[in-house]
N, C-alpha and C. Protein backbone atom coordinates (compact mmCIF):
# COMPACT_ATOMS: atom_id res chain seq x y z
N UNK A 1 -115.18 143.29 58.73
CA UNK A 1 -114.85 142.67 59.94
C UNK A 1 -114.24 143.79 60.74
N UNK A 2 -113.67 143.43 61.99
CA UNK A 2 -113.12 144.73 63.06
C UNK A 2 -111.89 144.96 62.22
N UNK A 3 -111.16 143.95 61.37
CA UNK A 3 -109.90 144.18 61.30
C UNK A 3 -109.89 145.37 59.84
N UNK A 4 -110.86 145.20 59.14
CA UNK A 4 -111.04 146.14 58.05
C UNK A 4 -110.75 147.37 58.29
N UNK A 5 -111.66 147.75 59.88
CA UNK A 5 -111.49 148.94 60.37
C UNK A 5 -110.10 149.68 60.27
N UNK A 6 -109.14 148.86 60.95
CA UNK A 6 -108.02 149.45 61.04
C UNK A 6 -106.91 149.46 60.16
N UNK A 7 -107.06 148.28 59.23
CA UNK A 7 -106.29 148.03 58.22
C UNK A 7 -106.12 149.16 57.19
N UNK A 8 -105.12 149.71 56.55
CA UNK A 8 -104.90 150.42 55.60
C UNK A 8 -105.11 149.89 54.14
N UNK A 9 -105.61 150.75 53.30
CA UNK A 9 -105.71 150.18 51.81
C UNK A 9 -104.66 149.55 51.60
N UNK A 10 -103.37 149.82 51.95
CA UNK A 10 -102.01 149.28 51.22
C UNK A 10 -102.04 147.99 51.97
N UNK A 11 -102.15 147.94 53.33
CA UNK A 11 -102.21 146.45 54.16
C UNK A 11 -103.42 145.75 53.42
N UNK A 12 -104.38 146.08 53.14
CA UNK A 12 -105.53 145.38 52.42
C UNK A 12 -104.91 144.73 51.52
N UNK A 13 -104.10 145.72 50.29
CA UNK A 13 -103.91 145.14 49.10
C UNK A 13 -102.75 143.89 49.32
N UNK A 14 -101.90 144.38 50.25
CA UNK A 14 -100.68 143.28 50.56
C UNK A 14 -101.39 141.99 51.07
N UNK A 15 -102.24 141.96 51.95
CA UNK A 15 -103.10 140.92 52.44
C UNK A 15 -103.72 139.83 51.32
N UNK A 16 -104.21 140.82 50.40
CA UNK A 16 -105.00 140.18 49.48
C UNK A 16 -104.24 139.35 48.48
N UNK A 17 -102.85 140.07 48.27
CA UNK A 17 -102.03 139.43 47.24
C UNK A 17 -101.52 138.13 47.79
N UNK A 18 -101.09 138.46 49.20
CA UNK A 18 -100.58 137.13 50.15
C UNK A 18 -101.43 135.92 50.02
N UNK A 19 -102.85 136.28 50.23
CA UNK A 19 -103.75 135.33 50.19
C UNK A 19 -104.04 134.91 48.89
N UNK A 20 -104.01 135.31 47.52
CA UNK A 20 -104.06 135.31 46.45
C UNK A 20 -102.74 134.12 45.91
N UNK A 21 -101.73 134.78 46.34
CA UNK A 21 -100.43 133.84 46.14
C UNK A 21 -100.53 132.37 46.91
N UNK A 22 -100.71 132.55 48.09
CA UNK A 22 -100.80 131.13 48.98
C UNK A 22 -102.04 130.21 48.71
N UNK A 23 -102.82 130.89 48.31
CA UNK A 23 -103.95 129.97 47.72
C UNK A 23 -103.52 129.19 46.57
N UNK A 24 -102.79 130.01 45.23
CA UNK A 24 -102.57 129.54 44.34
C UNK A 24 -101.62 127.88 44.67
N UNK A 25 -100.48 128.48 45.48
CA UNK A 25 -99.59 127.28 45.78
C UNK A 25 -100.41 126.53 46.59
N UNK A 26 -101.20 126.39 47.49
CA UNK A 26 -102.25 125.44 47.91
C UNK A 26 -102.83 124.34 46.74
N UNK A 27 -103.26 125.20 46.14
CA UNK A 27 -104.24 124.69 44.59
C UNK A 27 -103.07 123.76 43.98
N UNK A 28 -102.27 124.09 43.61
CA UNK A 28 -100.85 123.61 43.06
C UNK A 28 -100.59 122.39 43.56
N UNK A 29 -100.18 122.37 45.09
CA UNK A 29 -99.72 121.25 45.63
C UNK A 29 -100.77 120.18 45.78
N UNK A 30 -102.25 120.82 46.04
CA UNK A 30 -103.03 119.41 45.85
C UNK A 30 -103.16 118.81 44.40
N UNK A 31 -103.03 119.54 43.33
CA UNK A 31 -103.22 118.99 42.19
C UNK A 31 -102.24 118.38 41.79
N UNK A 32 -100.87 118.57 42.26
CA UNK A 32 -100.11 117.50 42.16
C UNK A 32 -100.08 116.24 43.11
């Protein structure tokens, strides 16, 4: 993506971690 061109490896790692946590919370909410 275009965003991937300007995001640093550290920023990408932070975003990936946040998305993983957000997805996990969403799954827990749907499961309950």
